[in-house]
Structure formats: C-alpha cells, structure tokens
Amino acid sequence: SEIKKGEEQGLVLTLLNRRRYLPDLNIDNMAFKQVAQRQAINTPVQGTLASLLVDLGSKVGIGQSVVVIQSAEITKLQAEIDQAKAELELDQSNFSREQALFEKGISAKKDFEASKALLKSTEAKLKALESNLKILTGLTTSDEQGTFQVKSRKSGTVVERHVTVGQVVGANQLLFHVIDLSKLWASANIYE
C-alpha cells in the first residue's frame, strides 16, 4: 500500500508522480501519524465540477470515483487524439500503397521510406497523446467528450469536502480529504 511505501521511503507519489515528503509517517505519536496518513484527493486538470459522487461521511474504497469533472483541456486532448487516429489511418493506407508500388519497382525507395517514417511519427504522436490522457484522467478514452472521474487512492471516510457542484476547479486543487477512521487517537493536555 502507499502508506507502507511512505513509511519505508518517507515520501509518497501524487497522481502526477510528484514526490510528497511525509516524515510524520514514521513517528510514534499516532495522532500525528494519522494526520500524515490522511489522503488528499486533488484534480489533475482545470475544469468544472459536474457532479459529486460522495459526500462528507461517505466511505470510499481504493479506485472509487468521487467526482466527475468537465474539462476543456481534456476535450482538446481527446480531439487531438481523434485527429491523430484519422492521420494514422491515412498514413497506414499511404504506407501500404507505397510498399506495394516499391515492391513492383514503380515507386522510388525514398518515397517508400518517407511514408514509413511518417507512419512511425504519427504512431508516436498518437501514443504520446493517449499517454497524456491516461496520466491526467487514468483513462485511454472517455465515454463523454471532456469528462473524467477523479478516483480515490485510499480507502477510508470522507472527512472534508472543499468543493461544490458547478464550481470551477484548478489543477491540483484540493477536493476532499479521506482518512481511515478504524483507529482513532486522541491527544489531550490535562492540568492538575
């Protein structure tokens, strides 16, 4: 689990693979340790909060969707993927034609090599775009253009909510805090 890795390494990785140092994961004071174990759920891109799938007090599991975000950035990225797929289809057709012509001795080798290079370039472009979409949303495609669901990376209970439906949220904006409430620790100062 992320908490065990964090205890061993003193850090955890965010959704976008940024390092977050959490030295309190290794202390004996359980009250402070539990605060460090609290999971912040952020959005990776700017967009409008379309719907809340959980609320305060909701129990969430690892990978459970917590909100739906509509994002112009994701819409643009999906359009670029669609365009790259169309270009790839055309480049595959041109490559097959050039290959057949080259094998018959009708086309020059440089035309064949150029179509092959263009095909590889378009494949790389599509792969990069799909990789960006997966990094940002966890998906390679989306049913609805421009929408994606933010998922919880930890199971627990939603203890804080910082957003409402219709709100514009920025990249890395805090949406929720989730904490494991199966063990609670209290700290008190008692005066005599």
N, C-alpha and C. Protein backbone atom coordinates (compact mmCIF):
# COMPACT_ATOMS: atom_id res chain seq x y z
N SER A 1 0.84 -1.19 0.00
CA SER A 1 0.00 0.00 0.00
C SER A 1 0.88 1.25 0.00
N GLU A 2 0.29 2.38 -0.34
CA GLU A 2 1.03 3.65 -0.39
C GLU A 2 1.55 4.05 0.99
N ILE A 3 0.78 3.76 2.06
CA ILE A 3 1.22 4.14 3.40
C ILE A 3 2.47 3.36 3.80
N LYS A 4 2.48 2.06 3.52
CA LYS A 4 3.66 1.26 3.86
C LYS A 4 4.88 1.73 3.08
N LYS A 5 4.70 2.01 1.78
CA LYS A 5 5.81 2.54 0.98
C LYS A 5 6.27 3.88 1.54
N GLY A 6 5.31 4.71 1.95
CA GLY A 6 5.63 6.01 2.52
C GLY A 6 6.41 5.89 3.82
N GLU A 7 6.03 4.91 4.65
CA GLU A 7 6.75 4.70 5.90
C GLU A 7 8.18 4.26 5.64
N GLU A 8 8.37 3.40 4.62
CA GLU A 8 9.70 2.91 4.28
C GLU A 8 10.57 4.00 3.66
N GLN A 9 9.97 4.80 2.76
CA GLN A 9 10.74 5.77 1.99
C GLN A 9 10.64 7.20 2.52
N GLY A 10 9.67 7.48 3.39
CA GLY A 10 9.49 8.82 3.92
C GLY A 10 8.81 9.76 2.95
N LEU A 11 8.25 9.21 1.85
CA LEU A 11 7.55 10.02 0.86
C LEU A 11 6.53 9.17 0.13
N VAL A 12 5.58 9.84 -0.50
CA VAL A 12 4.60 9.18 -1.36
C VAL A 12 4.58 9.91 -2.69
N LEU A 13 4.04 9.25 -3.72
CA LEU A 13 3.93 9.87 -5.03
C LEU A 13 2.50 10.31 -5.26
N THR A 14 2.32 11.50 -5.85
CA THR A 14 0.99 12.00 -6.17
C THR A 14 0.51 11.36 -7.47
N LEU A 15 -0.72 11.69 -7.88
CA LEU A 15 -1.26 11.17 -9.15
C LEU A 15 -0.36 11.50 -10.33
N LEU A 16 0.29 12.64 -10.29
CA LEU A 16 1.15 13.06 -11.39
C LEU A 16 2.61 12.72 -11.10
N ASN A 17 2.82 11.75 -10.20
CA ASN A 17 4.15 11.25 -9.84
C ASN A 17 5.08 12.31 -9.27
N ARG A 18 4.52 13.26 -8.54
CA ARG A 18 5.34 14.22 -7.81
C ARG A 18 5.61 13.65 -6.43
N ARG A 19 6.80 13.89 -5.92
CA ARG A 19 7.15 13.39 -4.59
C ARG A 19 6.58 14.30 -3.51
N ARG A 20 5.97 13.69 -2.52
CA ARG A 20 5.46 14.43 -1.37
C ARG A 20 6.08 13.81 -0.12
N TYR A 21 6.96 14.57 0.53
CA TYR A 21 7.67 14.07 1.70
C TYR A 21 6.77 14.15 2.93
N LEU A 22 6.66 13.04 3.65
CA LEU A 22 5.81 12.95 4.84
C LEU A 22 6.60 12.28 5.97
N PRO A 23 7.47 13.03 6.63
CA PRO A 23 8.29 12.44 7.70
C PRO A 23 7.45 11.95 8.88
N ASP A 24 6.24 12.49 9.08
CA ASP A 24 5.42 12.09 10.22
C ASP A 24 4.85 10.68 10.09
N LEU A 25 5.04 10.03 8.92
CA LEU A 25 4.58 8.65 8.77
C LEU A 25 5.39 7.69 9.65
N ASN A 26 6.56 8.11 10.11
CA ASN A 26 7.44 7.23 10.88
C ASN A 26 7.53 7.58 12.36
N ILE A 27 6.64 8.44 12.86
CA ILE A 27 6.74 8.80 14.28
C ILE A 27 5.85 7.89 15.13
N ASP A 28 6.10 7.87 16.42
CA ASP A 28 5.35 7.01 17.33
C ASP A 28 4.01 7.62 17.76
N ASN A 29 3.89 8.94 17.75
CA ASN A 29 2.66 9.61 18.16
C ASN A 29 1.58 9.34 17.11
N MET A 30 0.63 8.47 17.45
CA MET A 30 -0.39 8.04 16.49
C MET A 30 -1.28 9.18 16.02
N ALA A 31 -1.51 10.18 16.83
CA ALA A 31 -2.35 11.30 16.42
C ALA A 31 -1.70 12.04 15.25
N PHE A 32 -0.40 12.31 15.34
CA PHE A 32 0.30 12.99 14.25
C PHE A 32 0.48 12.08 13.05
N LYS A 33 0.72 10.80 13.32
CA LYS A 33 0.90 9.84 12.24
C LYS A 33 -0.37 9.73 11.41
N GLN A 34 -1.53 9.74 12.07
CA GLN A 34 -2.79 9.61 11.35
C GLN A 34 -3.05 10.84 10.48
N VAL A 35 -2.65 12.00 10.92
CA VAL A 35 -2.78 13.21 10.09
C VAL A 35 -1.95 13.05 8.83
N ALA A 36 -0.75 12.51 8.95
CA ALA A 36 0.12 12.29 7.78
C ALA A 36 -0.48 11.24 6.85
N GLN A 37 -1.23 10.29 7.41
CA GLN A 37 -1.83 9.24 6.59
C GLN A 37 -3.10 9.70 5.87
N ARG A 38 -3.60 10.86 6.25
CA ARG A 38 -4.80 11.39 5.61
C ARG A 38 -4.54 11.55 4.13
N GLN A 39 -5.49 11.14 3.32
CA GLN A 39 -5.33 11.17 1.87
C GLN A 39 -6.04 12.39 1.30
N ALA A 40 -5.29 13.23 0.63
CA ALA A 40 -5.89 14.37 -0.06
C ALA A 40 -6.24 13.92 -1.48
N ILE A 41 -7.43 14.26 -1.92
CA ILE A 41 -7.85 13.94 -3.28
C ILE A 41 -7.90 15.25 -4.06
N ASN A 42 -7.08 15.34 -5.10
CA ASN A 42 -6.97 16.54 -5.92
C ASN A 42 -7.39 16.23 -7.34
N THR A 43 -7.65 17.29 -8.11
CA THR A 43 -7.93 17.11 -9.52
C THR A 43 -6.66 17.41 -10.32
N PRO A 44 -6.35 16.60 -11.33
CA PRO A 44 -5.12 16.82 -12.08
C PRO A 44 -5.20 17.94 -13.13
N VAL A 45 -6.41 18.35 -13.52
CA VAL A 45 -6.55 19.40 -14.53
C VAL A 45 -7.66 20.37 -14.14
N GLN A 46 -7.67 21.52 -14.79
CA GLN A 46 -8.71 22.51 -14.54
C GLN A 46 -10.00 22.07 -15.22
N GLY A 47 -11.12 22.39 -14.59
CA GLY A 47 -12.41 22.05 -15.17
C GLY A 47 -13.53 22.49 -14.25
N THR A 48 -14.74 22.08 -14.61
CA THR A 48 -15.93 22.39 -13.82
C THR A 48 -16.42 21.11 -13.17
N LEU A 49 -16.71 21.18 -11.89
CA LEU A 49 -17.20 20.02 -11.17
C LEU A 49 -18.63 19.72 -11.63
N ALA A 50 -18.80 18.63 -12.36
CA ALA A 50 -20.10 18.28 -12.92
C ALA A 50 -20.99 17.57 -11.89
N SER A 51 -20.41 16.69 -11.09
CA SER A 51 -21.21 16.03 -10.06
C SER A 51 -20.32 15.46 -8.96
N LEU A 52 -20.88 15.46 -7.77
CA LEU A 52 -20.24 14.86 -6.60
C LEU A 52 -20.78 13.44 -6.47
N LEU A 53 -19.90 12.47 -6.38
CA LEU A 53 -20.33 11.09 -6.24
C LEU A 53 -20.26 10.62 -4.79
N VAL A 54 -19.61 11.41 -3.93
CA VAL A 54 -19.53 11.11 -2.49
C VAL A 54 -19.71 12.42 -1.73
N ASP A 55 -20.01 12.31 -0.45
CA ASP A 55 -20.16 13.50 0.38
C ASP A 55 -19.50 13.24 1.73
N LEU A 56 -19.56 14.21 2.61
CA LEU A 56 -18.99 14.05 3.95
C LEU A 56 -19.55 12.81 4.61
N GLY A 57 -18.68 12.05 5.22
CA GLY A 57 -19.11 10.84 5.92
C GLY A 57 -19.19 9.61 5.03
N SER A 58 -19.07 9.78 3.73
CA SER A 58 -19.13 8.63 2.83
C SER A 58 -17.88 7.78 2.97
N LYS A 59 -18.07 6.48 2.94
CA LYS A 59 -16.93 5.56 2.93
C LYS A 59 -16.55 5.34 1.47
N VAL A 60 -15.24 5.43 1.18
CA VAL A 60 -14.75 5.23 -0.18
C VAL A 60 -13.69 4.14 -0.19
N GLY A 61 -13.61 3.47 -1.31
CA GLY A 61 -12.60 2.43 -1.50
C GLY A 61 -11.54 2.89 -2.48
N ILE A 62 -10.45 2.18 -2.53
CA ILE A 62 -9.38 2.49 -3.47
C ILE A 62 -9.92 2.37 -4.89
N GLY A 63 -9.72 3.40 -5.68
CA GLY A 63 -10.17 3.39 -7.07
C GLY A 63 -11.62 3.81 -7.27
N GLN A 64 -12.32 4.11 -6.19
CA GLN A 64 -13.72 4.54 -6.31
C GLN A 64 -13.78 5.97 -6.84
N SER A 65 -14.68 6.22 -7.78
CA SER A 65 -14.86 7.57 -8.32
C SER A 65 -15.51 8.44 -7.27
N VAL A 66 -14.99 9.68 -7.13
CA VAL A 66 -15.53 10.59 -6.12
C VAL A 66 -16.19 11.82 -6.73
N VAL A 67 -15.73 12.27 -7.90
CA VAL A 67 -16.35 13.41 -8.60
C VAL A 67 -16.22 13.20 -10.11
N VAL A 68 -17.08 13.92 -10.84
CA VAL A 68 -16.98 13.97 -12.31
C VAL A 68 -16.61 15.41 -12.67
N ILE A 69 -15.56 15.55 -13.47
CA ILE A 69 -15.06 16.86 -13.90
C ILE A 69 -15.26 17.00 -15.40
N GLN A 70 -15.75 18.17 -15.83
CA GLN A 70 -15.80 18.51 -17.25
C GLN A 70 -14.66 19.48 -17.50
N SER A 71 -13.81 19.14 -18.48
CA SER A 71 -12.61 19.93 -18.69
C SER A 71 -12.39 20.25 -20.16
N ALA A 72 -12.15 21.53 -20.45
CA ALA A 72 -11.82 21.94 -21.81
C ALA A 72 -10.47 21.36 -22.22
N GLU A 73 -9.55 21.23 -21.27
CA GLU A 73 -8.24 20.63 -21.56
C GLU A 73 -8.39 19.19 -22.05
N ILE A 74 -9.25 18.44 -21.38
CA ILE A 74 -9.47 17.04 -21.75
C ILE A 74 -10.20 16.97 -23.09
N THR A 75 -11.17 17.87 -23.32
CA THR A 75 -11.87 17.91 -24.60
C THR A 75 -10.88 18.15 -25.73
N LYS A 76 -9.97 19.10 -25.53
CA LYS A 76 -8.97 19.40 -26.55
C LYS A 76 -8.05 18.20 -26.78
N LEU A 77 -7.63 17.57 -25.71
CA LEU A 77 -6.75 16.41 -25.82
C LEU A 77 -7.46 15.26 -26.55
N GLN A 78 -8.74 15.05 -26.24
CA GLN A 78 -9.49 14.00 -26.92
C GLN A 78 -9.66 14.31 -28.41
N ALA A 79 -9.85 15.58 -28.75
CA ALA A 79 -9.96 15.97 -30.16
C ALA A 79 -8.63 15.73 -30.88
N GLU A 80 -7.52 16.03 -30.21
CA GLU A 80 -6.21 15.79 -30.80
C GLU A 80 -5.98 14.29 -31.02
N ILE A 81 -6.48 13.46 -30.09
CA ILE A 81 -6.37 12.00 -30.24
C ILE A 81 -7.18 11.54 -31.44
N ASP A 82 -8.41 12.05 -31.57
CA ASP A 82 -9.26 11.69 -32.71
C ASP A 82 -8.59 12.08 -34.03
N GLN A 83 -7.98 13.27 -34.07
CA GLN A 83 -7.29 13.74 -35.27
C GLN A 83 -6.08 12.84 -35.57
N ALA A 84 -5.33 12.48 -34.54
CA ALA A 84 -4.15 11.62 -34.74
C ALA A 84 -4.57 10.23 -35.22
N LYS A 85 -5.71 9.73 -34.75
CA LYS A 85 -6.20 8.43 -35.22
C LYS A 85 -6.56 8.49 -36.70
N ALA A 86 -7.19 9.59 -37.11
CA ALA A 86 -7.53 9.76 -38.53
C ALA A 86 -6.25 9.87 -39.38
N GLU A 87 -5.27 10.62 -38.89
CA GLU A 87 -3.99 10.74 -39.60
C GLU A 87 -3.30 9.38 -39.68
N LEU A 88 -3.37 8.60 -38.62
CA LEU A 88 -2.75 7.28 -38.60
C LEU A 88 -3.38 6.37 -39.64
N GLU A 89 -4.70 6.41 -39.72
CA GLU A 89 -5.40 5.60 -40.72
C GLU A 89 -4.96 5.97 -42.14
N LEU A 90 -4.87 7.25 -42.42
CA LEU A 90 -4.42 7.73 -43.73
C LEU A 90 -2.97 7.33 -43.99
N ASP A 91 -2.11 7.50 -42.97
CA ASP A 91 -0.70 7.16 -43.14
C ASP A 91 -0.49 5.66 -43.33
N GLN A 92 -1.31 4.83 -42.67
CA GLN A 92 -1.23 3.38 -42.87
C GLN A 92 -1.62 3.02 -44.29
N SER A 93 -2.65 3.66 -44.79
CA SER A 93 -3.09 3.42 -46.17
C SER A 93 -2.01 3.85 -47.17
N ASN A 94 -1.43 5.04 -46.95
CA ASN A 94 -0.37 5.53 -47.84
C ASN A 94 0.86 4.62 -47.78
N PHE A 95 1.20 4.14 -46.59
CA PHE A 95 2.35 3.25 -46.45
C PHE A 95 2.11 1.95 -47.21
N SER A 96 0.92 1.37 -47.06
CA SER A 96 0.60 0.11 -47.76
C SER A 96 0.69 0.31 -49.28
N ARG A 97 0.17 1.45 -49.74
CA ARG A 97 0.22 1.75 -51.19
C ARG A 97 1.66 1.91 -51.65
N GLU A 98 2.46 2.69 -50.91
CA GLU A 98 3.87 2.91 -51.27
C GLU A 98 4.66 1.61 -51.22
N GLN A 99 4.36 0.76 -50.24
CA GLN A 99 5.05 -0.52 -50.12
C GLN A 99 4.77 -1.40 -51.34
N ALA A 100 3.49 -1.46 -51.75
CA ALA A 100 3.12 -2.26 -52.92
C ALA A 100 3.79 -1.71 -54.19
N LEU A 101 3.79 -0.38 -54.34
CA LEU A 101 4.42 0.24 -55.52
C LEU A 101 5.93 0.01 -55.51
N PHE A 102 6.56 0.09 -54.36
CA PHE A 102 8.01 -0.12 -54.25
C PHE A 102 8.38 -1.56 -54.59
N GLU A 103 7.59 -2.51 -54.09
CA GLU A 103 7.85 -3.93 -54.37
C GLU A 103 7.70 -4.25 -55.85
N LYS A 104 6.86 -3.51 -56.56
CA LYS A 104 6.68 -3.71 -58.01
C LYS A 104 7.71 -2.91 -58.81
N GLY A 105 8.51 -2.11 -58.13
CA GLY A 105 9.52 -1.32 -58.82
C GLY A 105 8.98 -0.05 -59.44
N ILE A 106 7.78 0.36 -59.07
CA ILE A 106 7.15 1.56 -59.65
C ILE A 106 7.53 2.81 -58.87
N SER A 107 7.67 2.67 -57.54
CA SER A 107 7.93 3.82 -56.66
C SER A 107 9.39 3.81 -56.21
N ALA A 108 9.91 5.00 -55.97
CA ALA A 108 11.29 5.13 -55.51
C ALA A 108 11.40 4.72 -54.04
N LYS A 109 12.59 4.25 -53.66
CA LYS A 109 12.82 3.83 -52.28
C LYS A 109 12.64 4.99 -51.31
N LYS A 110 13.03 6.21 -51.72
CA LYS A 110 12.90 7.35 -50.81
C LYS A 110 11.43 7.66 -50.52
N ASP A 111 10.52 7.45 -51.48
CA ASP A 111 9.09 7.66 -51.24
C ASP A 111 8.56 6.62 -50.26
N PHE A 112 9.03 5.37 -50.44
CA PHE A 112 8.64 4.30 -49.53
C PHE A 112 9.13 4.60 -48.11
N GLU A 113 10.40 4.99 -47.98
CA GLU A 113 10.98 5.31 -46.67
C GLU A 113 10.30 6.52 -46.03
N ALA A 114 9.95 7.51 -46.85
CA ALA A 114 9.26 8.70 -46.33
C ALA A 114 7.89 8.33 -45.77
N SER A 115 7.16 7.46 -46.47
CA SER A 115 5.83 7.06 -45.97
C SER A 115 5.96 6.21 -44.70
N LYS A 116 7.03 5.42 -44.63
CA LYS A 116 7.28 4.61 -43.44
C LYS A 116 7.60 5.51 -42.25
N ALA A 117 8.43 6.52 -42.45
CA ALA A 117 8.80 7.47 -41.39
C ALA A 117 7.58 8.26 -40.92
N LEU A 118 6.75 8.69 -41.85
CA LEU A 118 5.54 9.44 -41.49
C LEU A 118 4.60 8.57 -40.66
N LEU A 119 4.47 7.30 -41.03
CA LEU A 119 3.63 6.37 -40.27
C LEU A 119 4.15 6.22 -38.85
N LYS A 120 5.45 6.03 -38.68
CA LYS A 120 6.03 5.88 -37.34
C LYS A 120 5.87 7.16 -36.52
N SER A 121 6.01 8.29 -37.17
CA SER A 121 5.84 9.58 -36.48
C SER A 121 4.41 9.75 -35.98
N THR A 122 3.45 9.40 -36.82
CA THR A 122 2.04 9.53 -36.43
C THR A 122 1.70 8.55 -35.31
N GLU A 123 2.25 7.33 -35.36
CA GLU A 123 2.03 6.36 -34.29
C GLU A 123 2.58 6.89 -32.97
N ALA A 124 3.77 7.49 -33.01
CA ALA A 124 4.37 8.05 -31.79
C ALA A 124 3.55 9.22 -31.26
N LYS A 125 3.04 10.06 -32.15
CA LYS A 125 2.21 11.20 -31.74
C LYS A 125 0.94 10.70 -31.03
N LEU A 126 0.29 9.70 -31.61
CA LEU A 126 -0.93 9.15 -31.01
C LEU A 126 -0.62 8.51 -29.65
N LYS A 127 0.47 7.79 -29.58
CA LYS A 127 0.85 7.15 -28.32
C LYS A 127 1.10 8.19 -27.23
N ALA A 128 1.77 9.28 -27.58
CA ALA A 128 2.05 10.36 -26.61
C ALA A 128 0.75 11.02 -26.14
N LEU A 129 -0.16 11.29 -27.05
CA LEU A 129 -1.43 11.91 -26.68
C LEU A 129 -2.24 10.99 -25.76
N GLU A 130 -2.30 9.70 -26.11
CA GLU A 130 -3.04 8.75 -25.27
C GLU A 130 -2.38 8.60 -23.90
N SER A 131 -1.07 8.67 -23.87
CA SER A 131 -0.35 8.61 -22.60
C SER A 131 -0.68 9.83 -21.73
N ASN A 132 -0.74 11.02 -22.35
CA ASN A 132 -1.12 12.23 -21.61
C ASN A 132 -2.52 12.10 -21.03
N LEU A 133 -3.45 11.58 -21.83
CA LEU A 133 -4.82 11.41 -21.36
C LEU A 133 -4.85 10.42 -20.18
N LYS A 134 -4.09 9.35 -20.29
CA LYS A 134 -4.06 8.36 -19.20
C LYS A 134 -3.45 8.95 -17.94
N ILE A 135 -2.39 9.74 -18.08
CA ILE A 135 -1.76 10.37 -16.91
C ILE A 135 -2.74 11.31 -16.22
N LEU A 136 -3.46 12.10 -17.02
CA LEU A 136 -4.36 13.10 -16.43
C LEU A 136 -5.66 12.52 -15.88
N THR A 137 -6.20 11.51 -16.57
CA THR A 137 -7.52 11.01 -16.18
C THR A 137 -7.53 9.56 -15.73
N GLY A 138 -6.46 8.84 -15.99
CA GLY A 138 -6.45 7.42 -15.69
C GLY A 138 -7.12 6.59 -16.76
N LEU A 139 -7.55 7.23 -17.85
CA LEU A 139 -8.26 6.55 -18.93
C LEU A 139 -7.51 6.68 -20.24
N THR A 140 -7.77 5.76 -21.16
CA THR A 140 -7.24 5.92 -22.51
C THR A 140 -8.30 6.53 -23.43
N THR A 141 -9.56 6.39 -23.05
CA THR A 141 -10.66 7.01 -23.78
C THR A 141 -11.71 7.45 -22.76
N SER A 142 -12.69 8.19 -23.20
CA SER A 142 -13.78 8.62 -22.32
C SER A 142 -15.09 8.48 -23.07
N ASP A 143 -16.12 8.05 -22.34
CA ASP A 143 -17.44 7.92 -22.97
C ASP A 143 -17.98 9.27 -23.39
N GLU A 144 -17.89 10.22 -22.49
CA GLU A 144 -18.37 11.57 -22.78
C GLU A 144 -17.18 12.46 -23.06
N GLN A 145 -17.28 13.23 -24.13
CA GLN A 145 -16.19 14.11 -24.51
C GLN A 145 -15.93 15.15 -23.42
N GLY A 146 -14.69 15.20 -22.93
CA GLY A 146 -14.29 16.22 -21.98
C GLY A 146 -14.59 15.94 -20.53
N THR A 147 -15.11 14.76 -20.20
CA THR A 147 -15.39 14.46 -18.80
C THR A 147 -14.49 13.32 -18.33
N PHE A 148 -14.21 13.33 -17.05
CA PHE A 148 -13.48 12.22 -16.44
C PHE A 148 -13.83 12.19 -14.96
N GLN A 149 -13.55 11.06 -14.35
CA GLN A 149 -13.85 10.89 -12.93
C GLN A 149 -12.54 10.86 -12.14
N VAL A 150 -12.51 11.60 -11.06
CA VAL A 150 -11.37 11.57 -10.14
C VAL A 150 -11.63 10.43 -9.17
N LYS A 151 -10.61 9.60 -8.96
CA LYS A 151 -10.75 8.42 -8.13
C LYS A 151 -9.94 8.54 -6.84
N SER A 152 -10.42 7.88 -5.80
CA SER A 152 -9.72 7.86 -4.52
C SER A 152 -8.54 6.89 -4.61
N ARG A 153 -7.43 7.28 -4.00
CA ARG A 153 -6.26 6.40 -3.98
C ARG A 153 -6.12 5.69 -2.64
N LYS A 154 -7.09 5.89 -1.77
CA LYS A 154 -7.05 5.27 -0.45
C LYS A 154 -8.47 4.97 -0.01
N SER A 155 -8.64 3.93 0.77
CA SER A 155 -9.97 3.68 1.32
C SER A 155 -10.06 4.37 2.68
N GLY A 156 -11.25 4.76 3.01
CA GLY A 156 -11.47 5.46 4.27
C GLY A 156 -12.79 6.21 4.23
N THR A 157 -12.88 7.25 5.05
CA THR A 157 -14.09 8.06 5.16
C THR A 157 -13.78 9.49 4.75
N VAL A 158 -14.68 10.09 3.98
CA VAL A 158 -14.52 11.49 3.57
C VAL A 158 -14.76 12.36 4.80
N VAL A 159 -13.71 13.10 5.24
CA VAL A 159 -13.83 13.92 6.44
C VAL A 159 -13.85 15.41 6.12
N GLU A 160 -13.45 15.79 4.92
CA GLU A 160 -13.51 17.19 4.50
C GLU A 160 -13.88 17.25 3.02
N ARG A 161 -14.74 18.21 2.68
CA ARG A 161 -15.09 18.46 1.28
C ARG A 161 -14.86 19.93 1.02
N HIS A 162 -14.12 20.24 -0.04
CA HIS A 162 -13.74 21.62 -0.33
C HIS A 162 -14.35 22.17 -1.62
N VAL A 163 -15.32 21.46 -2.21
CA VAL A 163 -15.88 21.87 -3.50
C VAL A 163 -17.39 21.66 -3.53
N THR A 164 -18.04 22.32 -4.49
CA THR A 164 -19.47 22.14 -4.72
C THR A 164 -19.70 21.95 -6.21
N VAL A 165 -20.85 21.40 -6.56
CA VAL A 165 -21.20 21.18 -7.97
C VAL A 165 -21.26 22.52 -8.69
N GLY A 166 -20.69 22.57 -9.88
CA GLY A 166 -20.68 23.78 -10.70
C GLY A 166 -19.46 24.65 -10.48
N GLN A 167 -18.70 24.35 -9.46
CA GLN A 167 -17.51 25.14 -9.15
C GLN A 167 -16.41 24.84 -10.17
N VAL A 168 -15.69 25.89 -10.57
CA VAL A 168 -14.52 25.72 -11.42
C VAL A 168 -13.35 25.36 -10.50
N VAL A 169 -12.71 24.24 -10.82
CA VAL A 169 -11.58 23.79 -10.01
C VAL A 169 -10.30 23.87 -10.82
N GLY A 170 -9.23 24.26 -10.16
CA GLY A 170 -7.94 24.36 -10.83
C GLY A 170 -7.16 23.07 -10.73
N ALA A 171 -6.12 22.97 -11.54
CA ALA A 171 -5.25 21.80 -11.48
C ALA A 171 -4.64 21.70 -10.09
N ASN A 172 -4.65 20.50 -9.55
CA ASN A 172 -4.12 20.19 -8.21
C ASN A 172 -4.90 20.85 -7.08
N GLN A 173 -6.12 21.31 -7.35
CA GLN A 173 -6.93 21.87 -6.28
C GLN A 173 -7.45 20.76 -5.39
N LEU A 174 -7.43 21.00 -4.09
CA LEU A 174 -7.91 20.03 -3.12
C LEU A 174 -9.42 19.88 -3.24
N LEU A 175 -9.89 18.64 -3.37
CA LEU A 175 -11.32 18.35 -3.44
C LEU A 175 -11.83 17.78 -2.13
N PHE A 176 -11.16 16.74 -1.63
CA PHE A 176 -11.59 16.02 -0.42
C PHE A 176 -10.37 15.62 0.40
N HIS A 177 -10.63 15.31 1.66
CA HIS A 177 -9.67 14.60 2.50
C HIS A 177 -10.36 13.31 2.92
N VAL A 178 -9.64 12.20 2.80
CA VAL A 178 -10.13 10.89 3.21
C VAL A 178 -9.18 10.37 4.28
N ILE A 179 -9.75 9.79 5.33
CA ILE A 179 -8.93 9.25 6.41
C ILE A 179 -9.52 7.92 6.87
N ASP A 180 -8.65 7.04 7.30
CA ASP A 180 -9.07 5.75 7.85
C ASP A 180 -9.49 5.97 9.29
N LEU A 181 -10.78 5.82 9.57
CA LEU A 181 -11.32 6.06 10.91
C LEU A 181 -11.46 4.78 11.73
N SER A 182 -10.87 3.69 11.25
CA SER A 182 -11.00 2.43 12.00
C SER A 182 -10.24 2.50 13.33
N LYS A 183 -9.19 3.35 13.39
CA LYS A 183 -8.45 3.56 14.63
C LYS A 183 -8.36 5.05 14.87
N LEU A 184 -8.84 5.51 16.00
CA LEU A 184 -8.77 6.92 16.35
C LEU A 184 -7.90 7.10 17.58
N TRP A 185 -7.13 8.16 17.58
CA TRP A 185 -6.27 8.50 18.70
C TRP A 185 -6.62 9.92 19.14
N ALA A 186 -6.60 10.11 20.43
CA ALA A 186 -6.86 11.43 20.97
C ALA A 186 -5.65 11.89 21.76
N SER A 187 -5.40 13.16 21.69
CA SER A 187 -4.31 13.76 22.46
C SER A 187 -4.92 14.86 23.30
N ALA A 188 -4.60 14.86 24.59
CA ALA A 188 -5.19 15.85 25.48
C ALA A 188 -4.13 16.37 26.46
N ASN A 189 -4.24 17.64 26.78
CA ASN A 189 -3.43 18.25 27.82
C ASN A 189 -4.30 18.36 29.07
N ILE A 190 -3.90 17.69 30.14
CA ILE A 190 -4.68 17.67 31.37
C ILE A 190 -3.87 18.39 32.44
N TYR A 191 -4.48 19.41 32.99
CA TYR A 191 -3.81 20.20 34.02
C TYR A 191 -4.27 19.72 35.40
N GLU A 192 -3.33 19.66 36.35
CA GLU A 192 -3.66 19.23 37.71
C GLU A 192 -3.92 20.41 38.59
